[in-house]
C-alpha cells in the first residue's frame, strides 16, 4: 500500500494533467530468463494501477537458451518488439524494454526515464478519437464512429491479456524466483485497416479466453503495424468459462 501511494504521488506531480485523457500505452518486453526484468515488472504493476495508463506485458523468446525457456513467450511478440525498434531506429532488441505509445523507449527499470517519456507522449497533440468496445455474447464490437481527417494507414489490433499471472522459475538466471505479471499478453489479432471513416470491427473472445485472457485491449497504430499509437481502449471480458 505504501509503495502504491508513492508511485501515485510521483506520477501526479511528474505528469501534466489533461481533461479526459485518452489512455497512454506502456508496453514492457521481458523474459523469465532476464535477471534484470523482475524490477521492471514491479514498476509495470504500479503503472497498471493508474487509470489513464494501459500497461501491457509482452514476454519474448530470444533469451530461452539461458537455462530456462520462458513459459509465456511467443515468437510473434519478439517480432513485434523487433519491428518497433526498427521503426524507431533502435539497433536490435533487449530486455527489459518499455515502449511508450509506440513513440519512445527506455530500459523498463529506469523509473524516471519511463515517467519522463509518458509525460512527453501526453504533451503531444492528440486527435479526439471516439474509440469504444462493447461485448455482446462471445463477440466484442469495436466502434470508430466519427470521421478523422488524415487517418489513412491506421492498423487496428486486438490484444487479449490476463490481468494477473505468476510463474515459478526453477532454472536459469532467475532460479528460485516467482515472477508476477500484470496485464500479460496472451493472444493478438490483426483486425484490419482504418482510414478515418466511421467503421466497426468484430472479434470473437472464446478462443482467446481459453488461453487465460480476461481482458481485451484495442490498439490503433498509425503509419504501419508498429507506428505511433494514436488511440487505445480496453474492456474486461465476460465469457462462458468465467
C-alpha atoms as a PDB file:
ATOM      1  CA  UNK A   1       0.000   0.000   0.000  1.00  0.00           C
ATOM      2  CA  UNK A   2       2.812   2.401   0.927  1.00  0.00           C
ATOM      3  CA  UNK A   3       4.574   1.745  -2.394  1.00  0.00           C
ATOM      4  CA  UNK A   4       1.291   2.283  -4.275  1.00  0.00           C
ATOM      5  CA  UNK A   5       0.805   5.689  -2.654  1.00  0.00           C
ATOM      6  CA  UNK A   6       4.376   6.671  -3.512  1.00  0.00           C
ATOM      7  CA  UNK A   7       4.070   5.848  -7.202  1.00  0.00           C
ATOM      8  CA  UNK A   8       0.692   7.593  -7.496  1.00  0.00           C
ATOM      9  CA  UNK A   9       2.109  10.745  -5.941  1.00  0.00           C
ATOM     10  CA  UNK A  10       5.204  10.503  -8.145  1.00  0.00           C
ATOM     11  CA  UNK A  11       3.105  10.331 -11.304  1.00  0.00           C
ATOM     12  CA  UNK A  12       0.722  13.031 -10.096  1.00  0.00           C
ATOM     13  CA  UNK A  13       3.499  15.589  -9.744  1.00  0.00           C
ATOM     14  CA  UNK A  14       5.613  14.371 -12.671  1.00  0.00           C
ATOM     15  CA  UNK A  15       2.965  14.249 -15.391  1.00  0.00           C
ATOM     16  CA  UNK A  16       0.856  17.031 -16.895  1.00  0.00           C
ATOM     17  CA  UNK A  17      -2.865  16.857 -16.215  1.00  0.00           C
ATOM     18  CA  UNK A  18      -5.265  16.862 -19.154  1.00  0.00           C
ATOM     19  CA  UNK A  19      -9.049  16.740 -19.089  1.00  0.00           C
ATOM     20  CA  UNK A  20     -10.494  13.414 -20.224  1.00  0.00           C
ATOM     21  CA  UNK A  21      -7.111  11.991 -21.216  1.00  0.00           C
ATOM     22  CA  UNK A  22      -7.050   9.035 -23.530  1.00  0.00           C
ATOM     23  CA  UNK A  23      -5.033   6.028 -22.470  1.00  0.00           C
ATOM     24  CA  UNK A  24      -1.256   6.209 -22.640  1.00  0.00           C
ATOM     25  CA  UNK A  25       0.081   2.783 -23.624  1.00  0.00           C
ATOM     26  CA  UNK A  26       3.155   1.431 -21.818  1.00  0.00           C
ATOM     27  CA  UNK A  27       4.447  -1.890 -23.177  1.00  0.00           C
ATOM     28  CA  UNK A  28       7.058  -3.965 -21.347  1.00  0.00           C
ATOM     29  CA  UNK A  29       9.116  -6.547 -23.230  1.00  0.00           C
ATOM     30  CA  UNK A  30      10.668  -9.047 -20.849  1.00  0.00           C
ATOM     31  CA  UNK A  31      11.822 -12.623 -20.355  1.00  0.00           C
ATOM     32  CA  UNK A  32      11.750 -15.092 -17.486  1.00  0.00           C
ATOM     33  CA  UNK A  33      15.454 -15.674 -18.238  1.00  0.00           C
ATOM     34  CA  UNK A  34      16.347 -11.981 -17.818  1.00  0.00           C
ATOM     35  CA  UNK A  35      17.788 -11.232 -14.343  1.00  0.00           C
ATOM     36  CA  UNK A  36      17.049  -7.506 -14.734  1.00  0.00           C
ATOM     37  CA  UNK A  37      13.363  -7.984 -15.554  1.00  0.00           C
ATOM     38  CA  UNK A  38      11.726  -8.513 -12.116  1.00  0.00           C
ATOM     39  CA  UNK A  39      12.173  -4.836 -11.075  1.00  0.00           C
ATOM     40  CA  UNK A  40      10.626  -3.740 -14.375  1.00  0.00           C
ATOM     41  CA  UNK A  41       7.624  -5.989 -13.717  1.00  0.00           C
ATOM     42  CA  UNK A  42       7.217  -4.435 -10.270  1.00  0.00           C
ATOM     43  CA  UNK A  43       7.196  -0.985 -11.840  1.00  0.00           C
ATOM     44  CA  UNK A  44       4.744  -2.048 -14.558  1.00  0.00           C
ATOM     45  CA  UNK A  45       2.399  -3.296 -11.830  1.00  0.00           C
ATOM     46  CA  UNK A  46       2.405   0.174 -10.303  1.00  0.00           C
ATOM     47  CA  UNK A  47       1.806   1.826 -13.663  1.00  0.00           C
ATOM     48  CA  UNK A  48      -1.050  -0.601 -14.356  1.00  0.00           C
ATOM     49  CA  UNK A  49      -2.852   0.851 -11.354  1.00  0.00           C
ATOM     50  CA  UNK A  50      -3.021   4.294 -12.967  1.00  0.00           C
ATOM     51  CA  UNK A  51      -6.410   4.725 -14.652  1.00  0.00           C
ATOM     52  CA  UNK A  52      -5.042   6.686 -17.624  1.00  0.00           C
ATOM     53  CA  UNK A  53      -2.311   4.143 -18.418  1.00  0.00           C
ATOM     54  CA  UNK A  54      -2.749   0.901 -20.341  1.00  0.00           C
ATOM     55  CA  UNK A  55       0.180  -1.283 -19.265  1.00  0.00           C
ATOM     56  CA  UNK A  56       0.899  -4.446 -21.259  1.00  0.00           C
ATOM     57  CA  UNK A  57       3.492  -7.169 -20.654  1.00  0.00           C
ATOM     58  CA  UNK A  58       4.921  -8.926 -23.720  1.00  0.00           C
ATOM     59  CA  UNK A  59       7.123 -11.997 -22.981  1.00  0.00           C
ATOM     60  CA  UNK A  60       9.797 -12.568 -25.648  1.00  0.00           C
ATOM     61  CA  UNK A  61      11.698 -15.722 -26.532  1.00  0.00           C
ATOM     62  CA  UNK A  62      15.262 -14.771 -27.516  1.00  0.00           C
ATOM     63  CA  UNK A  63      16.757 -15.496 -24.060  1.00  0.00           C
ATOM     64  CA  UNK A  64      15.312 -19.015 -23.926  1.00  0.00           C
ATOM     65  CA  UNK A  65      18.781 -20.545 -24.300  1.00  0.00           C
ATOM     66  CA  UNK A  66      19.908 -19.166 -20.916  1.00  0.00           C
ATOM     67  CA  UNK A  67      18.936 -22.236 -18.900  1.00  0.00           C
ATOM     68  CA  UNK A  68      15.189 -21.637 -18.880  1.00  0.00           C
ATOM     69  CA  UNK A  69      12.626 -21.289 -21.671  1.00  0.00           C
ATOM     70  CA  UNK A  70      10.062 -18.568 -20.950  1.00  0.00           C
ATOM     71  CA  UNK A  71       6.748 -20.366 -20.481  1.00  0.00           C
ATOM     72  CA  UNK A  72       4.681 -17.422 -21.767  1.00  0.00           C
ATOM     73  CA  UNK A  73       6.927 -16.190 -24.600  1.00  0.00           C
ATOM     74  CA  UNK A  74       5.783 -16.164 -28.210  1.00  0.00           C
ATOM     75  CA  UNK A  75       7.885 -15.632 -31.315  1.00  0.00           C
ATOM     76  CA  UNK A  76       5.278 -13.163 -32.603  1.00  0.00           C
ATOM     77  CA  UNK A  77       5.898 -10.975 -29.553  1.00  0.00           C
ATOM     78  CA  UNK A  78       9.633 -10.923 -30.316  1.00  0.00           C
ATOM     79  CA  UNK A  79       8.829  -9.921 -33.899  1.00  0.00           C
ATOM     80  CA  UNK A  80       6.546  -7.160 -32.601  1.00  0.00           C
ATOM     81  CA  UNK A  81       9.323  -5.744 -30.406  1.00  0.00           C
ATOM     82  CA  UNK A  82      11.908  -6.001 -33.186  1.00  0.00           C
ATOM     83  CA  UNK A  83       9.621  -4.206 -35.639  1.00  0.00           C
ATOM     84  CA  UNK A  84       9.023  -1.449 -33.066  1.00  0.00           C
ATOM     85  CA  UNK A  85      12.759  -0.881 -32.683  1.00  0.00           C
ATOM     86  CA  UNK A  86      13.315  -0.859 -36.431  1.00  0.00           C
ATOM     87  CA  UNK A  87      10.550   1.737 -36.744  1.00  0.00           C
ATOM     88  CA  UNK A  88      12.229   3.902 -34.083  1.00  0.00           C
ATOM     89  CA  UNK A  89      15.736   3.414 -35.473  1.00  0.00           C
ATOM     90  CA  UNK A  90      16.922   1.430 -32.447  1.00  0.00           C
ATOM     91  CA  UNK A  91      19.533  -1.312 -33.023  1.00  0.00           C
ATOM     92  CA  UNK A  92      18.477  -4.834 -32.041  1.00  0.00           C
ATOM     93  CA  UNK A  93      16.284  -5.824 -29.096  1.00  0.00           C
ATOM     94  CA  UNK A  94      16.806  -6.074 -25.344  1.00  0.00           C
ATOM     95  CA  UNK A  95      15.024  -6.706 -22.060  1.00  0.00           C
ATOM     96  CA  UNK A  96      13.574  -5.140 -20.044  1.00  0.00           C
ATOM     97  CA  UNK A  97      12.406  -2.554 -22.552  1.00  0.00           C
ATOM     98  CA  UNK A  98       9.426  -0.247 -22.154  1.00  0.00           C
ATOM     99  CA  UNK A  99       7.895   1.437 -25.188  1.00  0.00           C
ATOM    100  CA  UNK A 100       5.529   4.332 -24.593  1.00  0.00           C
ATOM    101  CA  UNK A 101       2.741   4.998 -27.108  1.00  0.00           C
ATOM    102  CA  UNK A 102       4.868   3.411 -29.835  1.00  0.00           C
ATOM    103  CA  UNK A 103       6.984   6.574 -29.854  1.00  0.00           C
ATOM    104  CA  UNK A 104       9.577   6.460 -27.091  1.00  0.00           C
ATOM    105  CA  UNK A 105      11.606   3.675 -25.493  1.00  0.00           C
ATOM    106  CA  UNK A 106      13.852   3.146 -22.491  1.00  0.00           C
ATOM    107  CA  UNK A 107      15.049   0.493 -20.063  1.00  0.00           C
ATOM    108  CA  UNK A 108      11.969  -0.719 -18.199  1.00  0.00           C
ATOM    109  CA  UNK A 109      13.507  -0.440 -14.738  1.00  0.00           C
ATOM    110  CA  UNK A 110      14.532   3.216 -15.172  1.00  0.00           C
ATOM    111  CA  UNK A 111      11.536   4.754 -13.490  1.00  0.00           C
ATOM    112  CA  UNK A 112      12.374   8.413 -14.017  1.00  0.00           C
ATOM    113  CA  UNK A 113      13.054   7.840 -17.708  1.00  0.00           C
ATOM    114  CA  UNK A 114       9.760   5.995 -18.150  1.00  0.00           C
ATOM    115  CA  UNK A 115       7.776   8.730 -16.404  1.00  0.00           C
ATOM    116  CA  UNK A 116       9.597  11.343 -18.495  1.00  0.00           C
ATOM    117  CA  UNK A 117       8.579   9.590 -21.712  1.00  0.00           C
ATOM    118  CA  UNK A 118       4.979   9.199 -20.521  1.00  0.00           C
ATOM    119  CA  UNK A 119       4.907  12.966 -19.978  1.00  0.00           C
ATOM    120  CA  UNK A 120       6.381  13.544 -23.451  1.00  0.00           C
ATOM    121  CA  UNK A 121       3.729  11.325 -25.005  1.00  0.00           C
ATOM    122  CA  UNK A 122       0.918  13.114 -23.172  1.00  0.00           C
ATOM    123  CA  UNK A 123       2.197  16.516 -24.259  1.00  0.00           C
ATOM    124  CA  UNK A 124       1.907  15.663 -27.950  1.00  0.00           C
ATOM    125  CA  UNK A 125      -1.179  16.835 -29.883  1.00  0.00           C
ATOM    126  CA  UNK A 126      -3.885  14.179 -29.893  1.00  0.00           C
ATOM    127  CA  UNK A 127      -6.822  13.531 -32.148  1.00  0.00           C
ATOM    128  CA  UNK A 128     -10.186  13.318 -30.406  1.00  0.00           C
ATOM    129  CA  UNK A 129     -10.881   9.630 -31.059  1.00  0.00           C
ATOM    130  CA  UNK A 130     -14.219   8.194 -30.012  1.00  0.00           C
ATOM    131  CA  UNK A 131     -12.984   4.595 -29.807  1.00  0.00           C
ATOM    132  CA  UNK A 132     -15.250   2.209 -27.917  1.00  0.00           C
ATOM    133  CA  UNK A 133     -15.580  -1.515 -27.181  1.00  0.00           C
ATOM    134  CA  UNK A 134     -18.669  -3.397 -26.097  1.00  0.00           C
ATOM    135  CA  UNK A 135     -19.253  -7.108 -25.657  1.00  0.00           C
ATOM    136  CA  UNK A 136     -22.290  -8.958 -26.965  1.00  0.00           C
ATOM    137  CA  UNK A 137     -22.271 -12.618 -26.003  1.00  0.00           C
ATOM    138  CA  UNK A 138     -18.967 -14.069 -27.298  1.00  0.00           C
ATOM    139  CA  UNK A 139     -18.211 -11.154 -29.621  1.00  0.00           C
ATOM    140  CA  UNK A 140     -16.640  -7.780 -28.929  1.00  0.00           C
ATOM    141  CA  UNK A 141     -17.650  -4.905 -31.180  1.00  0.00           C
ATOM    142  CA  UNK A 142     -15.128  -2.125 -31.709  1.00  0.00           C
ATOM    143  CA  UNK A 143     -16.600   1.144 -32.943  1.00  0.00           C
ATOM    144  CA  UNK A 144     -14.857   4.083 -34.585  1.00  0.00           C
ATOM    145  CA  UNK A 145     -17.918   6.160 -35.409  1.00  0.00           C
ATOM    146  CA  UNK A 146     -16.518   9.573 -36.308  1.00  0.00           C
ATOM    147  CA  UNK A 147     -14.606  10.905 -39.277  1.00  0.00           C
ATOM    148  CA  UNK A 148     -10.908  11.638 -38.757  1.00  0.00           C
ATOM    149  CA  UNK A 149      -9.068  13.603 -41.420  1.00  0.00           C
ATOM    150  CA  UNK A 150      -5.610  12.311 -42.248  1.00  0.00           C
ATOM    151  CA  UNK A 151      -6.150   8.772 -40.952  1.00  0.00           C
ATOM    152  CA  UNK A 152      -5.016   6.740 -43.957  1.00  0.00           C
ATOM    153  CA  UNK A 153      -2.985   3.804 -42.685  1.00  0.00           C
ATOM    154  CA  UNK A 154      -4.159   3.027 -39.154  1.00  0.00           C
ATOM    155  CA  UNK A 155      -3.753  -0.615 -38.142  1.00  0.00           C
ATOM    156  CA  UNK A 156      -6.337  -1.935 -35.677  1.00  0.00           C
ATOM    157  CA  UNK A 157      -5.043  -4.700 -33.393  1.00  0.00           C
ATOM    158  CA  UNK A 158      -6.848  -6.709 -30.727  1.00  0.00           C
ATOM    159  CA  UNK A 159      -4.700  -7.628 -27.728  1.00  0.00           C
ATOM    160  CA  UNK A 160      -6.070 -10.225 -25.311  1.00  0.00           C
ATOM    161  CA  UNK A 161      -4.423 -10.253 -21.892  1.00  0.00           C
ATOM    162  CA  UNK A 162      -4.652 -11.635 -18.369  1.00  0.00           C
ATOM    163  CA  UNK A 163      -4.899  -9.052 -15.622  1.00  0.00           C
ATOM    164  CA  UNK A 164      -2.782 -11.235 -13.309  1.00  0.00           C
ATOM    165  CA  UNK A 165      -0.483 -14.211 -13.731  1.00  0.00           C
ATOM    166  CA  UNK A 166       2.530 -15.683 -11.971  1.00  0.00           C
ATOM    167  CA  UNK A 167       5.139 -18.335 -12.625  1.00  0.00           C
ATOM    168  CA  UNK A 168       7.801 -20.014 -10.502  1.00  0.00           C
ATOM    169  CA  UNK A 169      11.164 -20.297 -12.228  1.00  0.00           C
ATOM    170  CA  UNK A 170      13.212 -23.363 -11.189  1.00  0.00           C
ATOM    171  CA  UNK A 171      16.192 -22.864 -13.513  1.00  0.00           C
ATOM    172  CA  UNK A 172      18.192 -20.178 -15.280  1.00  0.00           C
ATOM    173  CA  UNK A 173      19.124 -16.631 -14.301  1.00  0.00           C
ATOM    174  CA  UNK A 174      16.024 -16.171 -12.110  1.00  0.00           C
ATOM    175  CA  UNK A 175      16.203 -19.591 -10.468  1.00  0.00           C
ATOM    176  CA  UNK A 176      14.065 -19.827  -7.324  1.00  0.00           C
ATOM    177  CA  UNK A 177      12.071 -16.665  -8.033  1.00  0.00           C
ATOM    178  CA  UNK A 178       8.363 -16.229  -8.679  1.00  0.00           C
ATOM    179  CA  UNK A 179       7.649 -13.683 -11.389  1.00  0.00           C
ATOM    180  CA  UNK A 180       4.386 -11.755 -11.065  1.00  0.00           C
ATOM    181  CA  UNK A 181       2.740 -10.420 -14.213  1.00  0.00           C
ATOM    182  CA  UNK A 182       0.254  -7.616 -14.680  1.00  0.00           C
ATOM    183  CA  UNK A 183      -1.645  -7.459 -17.972  1.00  0.00           C
ATOM    184  CA  UNK A 184       0.151 -10.428 -19.529  1.00  0.00           C
ATOM    185  CA  UNK A 185      -0.499 -10.579 -23.274  1.00  0.00           C
ATOM    186  CA  UNK A 186      -1.832 -13.978 -24.343  1.00  0.00           C
ATOM    187  CA  UNK A 187      -3.044 -13.533 -27.907  1.00  0.00           C
ATOM    188  CA  UNK A 188      -3.303 -10.876 -30.607  1.00  0.00           C
ATOM    189  CA  UNK A 189      -5.381 -10.464 -33.753  1.00  0.00           C
ATOM    190  CA  UNK A 190      -4.974  -8.014 -36.608  1.00  0.00           C
ATOM    191  CA  UNK A 191      -8.438  -6.660 -37.322  1.00  0.00           C
ATOM    192  CA  UNK A 192      -7.669  -4.565 -40.373  1.00  0.00           C
ATOM    193  CA  UNK A 193      -7.075  -1.008 -41.538  1.00  0.00           C
ATOM    194  CA  UNK A 194      -8.971   2.118 -40.572  1.00  0.00           C
ATOM    195  CA  UNK A 195      -8.875   5.064 -42.948  1.00  0.00           C
ATOM    196  CA  UNK A 196     -10.712   7.622 -40.846  1.00  0.00           C
ATOM    197  CA  UNK A 197     -14.309   6.823 -41.734  1.00  0.00           C
ATOM    198  CA  UNK A 198     -16.938   5.548 -39.336  1.00  0.00           C
ATOM    199  CA  UNK A 199     -16.312   1.826 -39.011  1.00  0.00           C
ATOM    200  CA  UNK A 200     -16.842  -1.177 -36.751  1.00  0.00           C
ATOM    201  CA  UNK A 201     -14.770  -4.314 -36.225  1.00  0.00           C
ATOM    202  CA  UNK A 202     -15.726  -7.556 -34.513  1.00  0.00           C
ATOM    203  CA  UNK A 203     -13.570 -10.060 -32.658  1.00  0.00           C
ATOM    204  CA  UNK A 204     -14.586 -13.349 -31.044  1.00  0.00           C
ATOM    205  CA  UNK A 205     -13.415 -13.887 -27.477  1.00  0.00           C
ATOM    206  CA  UNK A 206     -13.908 -17.618 -26.869  1.00  0.00           C
ATOM    207  CA  UNK A 207     -10.605 -18.865 -28.284  1.00  0.00           C
ATOM    208  CA  UNK A 208      -8.614 -16.128 -26.577  1.00  0.00           C
ATOM    209  CA  UNK A 209     -10.359 -16.789 -23.268  1.00  0.00           C
ATOM    210  CA  UNK A 210      -9.172 -20.396 -23.389  1.00  0.00           C
ATOM    211  CA  UNK A 211      -5.602 -19.081 -23.243  1.00  0.00           C
ATOM    212  CA  UNK A 212      -6.379 -17.413 -19.914  1.00  0.00           C
ATOM    213  CA  UNK A 213      -7.161 -13.932 -21.216  1.00  0.00           C
ATOM    214  CA  UNK A 214      -9.747 -11.972 -19.255  1.00  0.00           C
ATOM    215  CA  UNK A 215      -9.356  -8.530 -20.857  1.00  0.00           C
ATOM    216  CA  UNK A 216      -9.259  -7.092 -24.362  1.00  0.00           C
ATOM    217  CA  UNK A 217      -7.354  -4.012 -25.481  1.00  0.00           C
ATOM    218  CA  UNK A 218      -7.585  -2.357 -28.872  1.00  0.00           C
ATOM    219  CA  UNK A 219      -4.526  -0.523 -30.202  1.00  0.00           C
ATOM    220  CA  UNK A 220      -4.549   1.887 -33.147  1.00  0.00           C
ATOM    221  CA  UNK A 221      -1.116   2.139 -34.771  1.00  0.00           C
ATOM    222  CA  UNK A 222      -0.628   4.915 -37.331  1.00  0.00           C
ATOM    223  CA  UNK A 223       1.794   4.617 -40.253  1.00  0.00           C
ATOM    224  CA  UNK A 224       2.188   0.852 -40.094  1.00  0.00           C
ATOM    225  CA  UNK A 225       1.675  -2.039 -37.699  1.00  0.00           C
ATOM    226  CA  UNK A 226       4.349  -0.711 -35.325  1.00  0.00           C
ATOM    227  CA  UNK A 227       3.902   3.015 -35.762  1.00  0.00           C
ATOM    228  CA  UNK A 228       2.874   5.517 -33.082  1.00  0.00           C
ATOM    229  CA  UNK A 229      -0.231   4.581 -31.101  1.00  0.00           C
ATOM    230  CA  UNK A 230      -2.931   7.188 -31.683  1.00  0.00           C
ATOM    231  CA  UNK A 231      -5.708   5.508 -29.723  1.00  0.00           C
ATOM    232  CA  UNK A 232      -6.421   2.663 -27.318  1.00  0.00           C
ATOM    233  CA  UNK A 233      -9.305   1.199 -25.362  1.00  0.00           C
ATOM    234  CA  UNK A 234      -9.826  -1.775 -23.029  1.00  0.00           C
ATOM    235  CA  UNK A 235     -12.600  -3.905 -21.599  1.00  0.00           C
ATOM    236  CA  UNK A 236     -12.912  -6.694 -19.044  1.00  0.00           C
ATOM    237  CA  UNK A 237     -14.275  -9.803 -20.746  1.00  0.00           C
ATOM    238  CA  UNK A 238     -17.235 -11.890 -19.709  1.00  0.00           C
ATOM    239  CA  UNK A 239     -17.028 -15.451 -21.033  1.00  0.00           C
ATOM    240  CA  UNK A 240     -18.973 -18.655 -20.616  1.00  0.00           C
ATOM    241  CA  UNK A 241     -15.898 -20.038 -18.839  1.00  0.00           C
ATOM    242  CA  UNK A 242     -15.761 -17.282 -16.233  1.00  0.00           C
END
